[in-house]
Amino acid sequence: MDELSEHINNLRVRYREIFLDLAKKIESEVSSLKPEKLSGEIFDYYEKNSYGRRWQDSVLSMIKKIYYSEMIKMRVQINNIRDNYSCNGCGTCCRLACSEFSYGELKEKAKGGDNLAKQFLQTFVPYNSLDDVENIFPEYLKLLKNQNESGYYFYHCPKVTSENKCPDYENRPQICRDFPDNPIAFLPLSCGYMGWKLKSEELSLKLSALSEIISFYIQKLNKLHK
């Protein structure tokens, strides 16, 4: 197994560990709010103004009061760490943008008002062949092939110079200003944000796991209240 594949697999294992620990912690906190005389479970249906409904309301309140705030703090911390790093001009992000959507699908999304798709199409154009991609980030292409990943499309910015410079850097689109915005994203070792990625991965995994668990509780409870 190569280094990138091993790193990705380790992240998946660590994410599962973090997810299970957080799920257990939140489940315990939910149980601590349960009225003593109530025999039902948190996702049972309860009539309005009943002990069960009050329990569900208190859980939603706890989530918004504690965990929303905690997630915001984690996001701020990740962004603050990012501020200590900057682009070093390796050019990889300009020459290899990956999307799960084809060029035609992106055009349809843009027509439908998807701002990210609009920015993407204004910045990147599709490669004609995978042969043009191989030498840019070979480790990434190898990872996708080894894991039998498919359904990805590769694009590049036609404006980037041979010196990896943006000819209109001061007016670059937001999609470029924000990249990379996720420490779990694939980055080449040459990227100036690699240090940020390594320092923020654990926190980002926790943020992702917490967001997934909290969203599950909110969606389930709100559906019961409709």
Protein backbone atom coordinates (compact mmCIF):
# COMPACT_ATOMS: atom_id res chain seq x y z
CA MET A 1 0.00 0.00 0.00
CA ASP A 2 1.44 3.41 -0.94
CA GLU A 3 1.71 6.32 1.47
CA LEU A 4 -1.36 8.23 0.27
CA SER A 5 -3.62 5.17 0.33
CA GLU A 6 -2.42 4.26 3.81
CA HIS A 7 -3.05 7.79 5.03
CA ILE A 8 -6.60 7.80 3.63
CA ASN A 9 -7.37 4.43 5.21
CA ASN A 10 -6.02 5.65 8.56
CA LEU A 11 -8.28 8.71 8.33
CA ARG A 12 -11.31 6.49 7.72
CA VAL A 13 -10.46 4.34 10.74
CA ARG A 14 -9.91 7.40 12.91
CA TYR A 15 -13.17 8.97 11.73
CA ARG A 16 -15.10 5.90 12.78
CA GLU A 17 -13.44 5.97 16.21
CA ILE A 18 -14.26 9.64 16.69
CA PHE A 19 -17.82 9.16 15.42
CA LEU A 20 -18.55 6.29 17.81
CA ASP A 21 -17.07 8.16 20.79
CA LEU A 22 -19.12 11.28 20.05
CA ALA A 23 -22.30 9.30 19.38
CA LYS A 24 -21.92 7.56 22.74
CA LYS A 25 -21.27 10.88 24.53
CA ILE A 26 -24.30 12.58 22.98
CA GLU A 27 -26.51 9.57 23.64
CA SER A 28 -25.51 9.76 27.30
CA GLU A 29 -26.34 13.47 27.44
CA VAL A 30 -29.70 12.85 25.78
CA SER A 31 -30.48 10.14 28.35
CA SER A 32 -29.54 12.45 31.22
CA LEU A 33 -32.32 14.84 30.14
CA LYS A 34 -34.96 12.11 30.08
CA PRO A 35 -37.74 12.46 32.72
CA GLU A 36 -37.54 9.70 35.34
CA LYS A 37 -41.11 8.48 34.83
CA LEU A 38 -40.83 8.28 31.04
CA SER A 39 -40.38 4.80 29.57
CA GLY A 40 -40.15 5.66 25.85
CA GLU A 41 -37.15 6.41 23.63
CA ILE A 42 -35.98 9.73 22.20
CA PHE A 43 -37.28 9.05 18.68
CA ASP A 44 -40.72 7.79 19.76
CA TYR A 45 -43.77 9.89 18.96
CA TYR A 46 -45.15 11.91 21.90
CA GLU A 47 -48.19 14.15 22.12
CA LYS A 48 -47.70 17.89 22.42
CA ASN A 49 -47.07 19.11 26.00
CA SER A 50 -46.34 15.56 27.16
CA TYR A 51 -43.23 14.62 29.14
CA GLY A 52 -41.85 12.94 26.05
CA ARG A 53 -42.32 15.99 23.85
CA ARG A 54 -40.70 18.19 26.48
CA TRP A 55 -37.76 15.80 26.56
CA GLN A 56 -37.38 16.04 22.80
CA ASP A 57 -37.61 19.83 22.94
CA SER A 58 -34.94 19.93 25.66
CA VAL A 59 -32.65 17.77 23.50
CA LEU A 60 -33.09 20.10 20.53
CA SER A 61 -32.39 23.07 22.80
CA MET A 62 -29.27 21.38 24.20
CA ILE A 63 -27.98 20.63 20.71
CA LYS A 64 -28.44 24.21 19.55
CA LYS A 65 -27.03 25.74 22.71
CA ILE A 66 -23.98 23.49 23.17
CA TYR A 67 -23.09 21.74 19.95
CA TYR A 68 -23.82 24.50 17.46
CA SER A 69 -21.49 26.72 19.46
CA GLU A 70 -18.87 23.97 19.68
CA MET A 71 -18.94 23.40 15.92
CA ILE A 72 -18.54 27.12 15.25
CA LYS A 73 -15.50 27.22 17.57
CA MET A 74 -13.94 24.25 15.77
CA ARG A 75 -14.47 25.87 12.38
CA VAL A 76 -12.92 29.13 13.64
CA GLN A 77 -9.94 27.21 15.04
CA ILE A 78 -9.42 25.41 11.72
CA ASN A 79 -9.54 28.73 9.85
CA ASN A 80 -7.14 30.35 12.32
CA ILE A 81 -4.61 27.57 11.78
CA ARG A 82 -5.01 28.03 8.02
CA ASP A 83 -4.05 31.70 8.33
CA ASN A 84 -0.51 30.58 9.22
CA TYR A 85 -0.05 29.03 5.76
CA SER A 86 -0.19 30.30 2.20
CA CYS A 87 0.06 29.19 -1.41
CA ASN A 88 3.61 28.43 -2.53
CA GLY A 89 2.79 28.30 -6.23
CA CYS A 90 3.05 24.56 -6.89
CA GLY A 91 0.20 24.94 -9.41
CA THR A 92 -1.48 21.62 -8.68
CA CYS A 93 -4.87 23.09 -7.76
CA CYS A 94 -4.86 25.14 -10.98
CA ARG A 95 -3.93 22.19 -13.15
CA LEU A 96 -6.01 19.47 -11.50
CA ALA A 97 -9.51 20.26 -10.25
CA CYS A 98 -11.59 17.16 -9.59
CA SER A 99 -15.39 17.02 -9.62
CA GLU A 100 -17.98 14.29 -9.33
CA PHE A 101 -19.95 16.12 -12.03
CA SER A 102 -19.35 16.03 -15.77
CA TYR A 103 -19.03 19.24 -17.77
CA GLY A 104 -22.62 18.87 -18.99
CA GLU A 105 -23.92 18.29 -15.48
CA LEU A 106 -22.08 21.35 -14.20
CA LYS A 107 -23.64 23.46 -16.97
CA GLU A 108 -27.10 22.26 -15.97
CA LYS A 109 -26.41 23.02 -12.31
CA ALA A 110 -25.16 26.49 -13.24
CA LYS A 111 -28.31 27.14 -15.27
CA GLY A 112 -30.31 26.12 -12.22
CA GLY A 113 -28.64 28.81 -10.13
CA ASP A 114 -25.84 26.83 -8.48
CA ASN A 115 -23.26 29.55 -7.76
CA LEU A 116 -20.42 27.12 -7.09
CA ALA A 117 -21.00 25.43 -10.45
CA LYS A 118 -21.01 28.84 -12.14
CA GLN A 119 -17.68 29.77 -10.57
CA PHE A 120 -16.22 26.41 -11.43
CA LEU A 121 -17.17 26.71 -15.11
CA GLN A 122 -15.86 30.28 -15.25
CA THR A 123 -12.51 29.05 -13.96
CA PHE A 124 -11.93 25.51 -15.23
CA VAL A 125 -12.25 23.56 -18.47
CA PRO A 126 -12.26 19.77 -18.84
CA TYR A 127 -9.23 17.74 -19.86
CA ASN A 128 -9.52 15.89 -23.12
CA SER A 129 -7.74 12.81 -21.81
CA LEU A 130 -6.55 11.24 -18.56
CA ASP A 131 -3.11 11.10 -20.14
CA ASP A 132 -2.92 14.86 -19.64
CA VAL A 133 -3.58 14.42 -15.91
CA GLU A 134 -1.19 11.60 -15.00
CA ASN A 135 1.93 13.68 -14.33
CA ILE A 136 0.27 16.43 -12.31
CA PHE A 137 -0.71 14.50 -9.17
CA PRO A 138 0.18 10.85 -9.95
CA GLU A 139 -0.35 9.68 -6.36
CA TYR A 140 -3.96 10.83 -6.46
CA LEU A 141 -4.69 9.16 -9.79
CA LYS A 142 -3.07 5.97 -8.52
CA LEU A 143 -5.23 6.08 -5.39
CA LEU A 144 -8.43 6.35 -7.42
CA LYS A 145 -7.40 3.48 -9.66
CA ASN A 146 -6.33 1.22 -6.78
CA GLN A 147 -9.62 1.77 -4.97
CA ASN A 148 -11.64 1.34 -8.16
CA GLU A 149 -13.07 4.80 -7.79
CA SER A 150 -14.95 6.06 -10.83
CA GLY A 151 -17.31 8.88 -11.74
CA TYR A 152 -14.75 11.63 -11.32
CA TYR A 153 -14.00 14.30 -13.90
CA PHE A 154 -10.82 16.34 -14.16
CA TYR A 155 -10.49 19.99 -15.10
CA HIS A 156 -7.82 22.66 -15.33
CA CYS A 157 -7.52 26.41 -15.46
CA PRO A 158 -6.47 27.44 -18.99
CA LYS A 159 -5.11 30.78 -17.75
CA VAL A 160 -2.36 29.52 -15.42
CA THR A 161 1.11 30.29 -16.78
CA SER A 162 4.04 27.93 -17.22
CA GLU A 163 5.48 29.46 -14.01
CA ASN A 164 2.28 28.45 -12.14
CA LYS A 165 1.15 32.06 -11.91
CA CYS A 166 -2.39 33.39 -12.16
CA PRO A 167 -2.45 36.26 -14.67
CA ASP A 168 -5.32 37.91 -12.76
CA TYR A 169 -4.49 36.86 -9.20
CA GLU A 170 -5.97 39.92 -7.47
CA ASN A 171 -9.32 39.26 -9.14
CA ARG A 172 -9.30 35.46 -8.83
CA PRO A 173 -12.72 33.93 -8.09
CA GLN A 174 -13.83 32.98 -4.60
CA ILE A 175 -13.51 29.28 -5.42
CA CYS A 176 -9.76 29.85 -5.80
CA ARG A 177 -9.45 32.12 -2.76
CA ASP A 178 -11.11 29.50 -0.54
CA PHE A 179 -9.06 26.52 -1.71
CA PRO A 180 -8.26 24.41 0.19
CA ASP A 181 -11.24 24.73 2.53
CA ASN A 182 -11.17 21.24 4.01
CA PRO A 183 -8.14 19.74 5.78
CA ILE A 184 -9.28 16.25 4.76
CA ALA A 185 -8.97 17.15 1.07
CA PHE A 186 -6.31 15.48 -1.06
CA LEU A 187 -3.25 17.72 -1.25
CA PRO A 188 0.13 17.03 -2.84
CA LEU A 189 3.19 17.20 -0.60
CA SER A 190 4.27 20.27 -2.57
CA CYS A 191 1.19 22.28 -1.48
CA GLY A 192 1.86 25.20 0.84
CA TYR A 193 -1.16 24.21 2.92
CA MET A 194 0.08 20.71 3.72
CA GLY A 195 1.11 21.80 7.22
CA TRP A 196 -2.38 23.16 7.84
CA LYS A 197 -3.89 19.90 6.61
CA LEU A 198 -1.80 17.78 8.98
CA LYS A 199 -2.41 20.04 11.98
CA SER A 200 -6.15 20.32 11.36
CA GLU A 201 -7.15 16.82 10.23
CA GLU A 202 -8.09 15.52 13.68
CA LEU A 203 -10.19 18.59 14.45
CA SER A 204 -11.83 18.42 11.02
CA LEU A 205 -12.73 14.76 11.52
CA LYS A 206 -14.35 15.63 14.83
CA LEU A 207 -16.25 18.51 13.23
CA SER A 208 -17.51 16.27 10.41
CA ALA A 209 -18.57 13.51 12.81
CA LEU A 210 -20.30 15.94 15.15
CA SER A 211 -22.11 17.61 12.25
CA GLU A 212 -23.34 14.23 10.98
CA ILE A 213 -24.62 13.11 14.38
CA ILE A 214 -26.27 16.43 15.21
CA SER A 215 -27.95 16.60 11.80
CA PHE A 216 -29.35 13.11 12.38
CA TYR A 217 -30.92 14.09 15.72
CA ILE A 218 -32.35 17.34 14.39
CA GLN A 219 -33.86 15.80 11.27
CA LYS A 220 -35.39 12.88 13.16
CA LEU A 221 -36.85 15.03 15.93
CA ASN A 222 -38.15 17.75 13.62
CA LYS A 223 -39.84 15.11 11.47
CA LEU A 224 -41.66 13.80 14.56
CA HIS A 225 -42.85 17.32 15.39
CA LYS A 226 -44.45 17.96 11.99
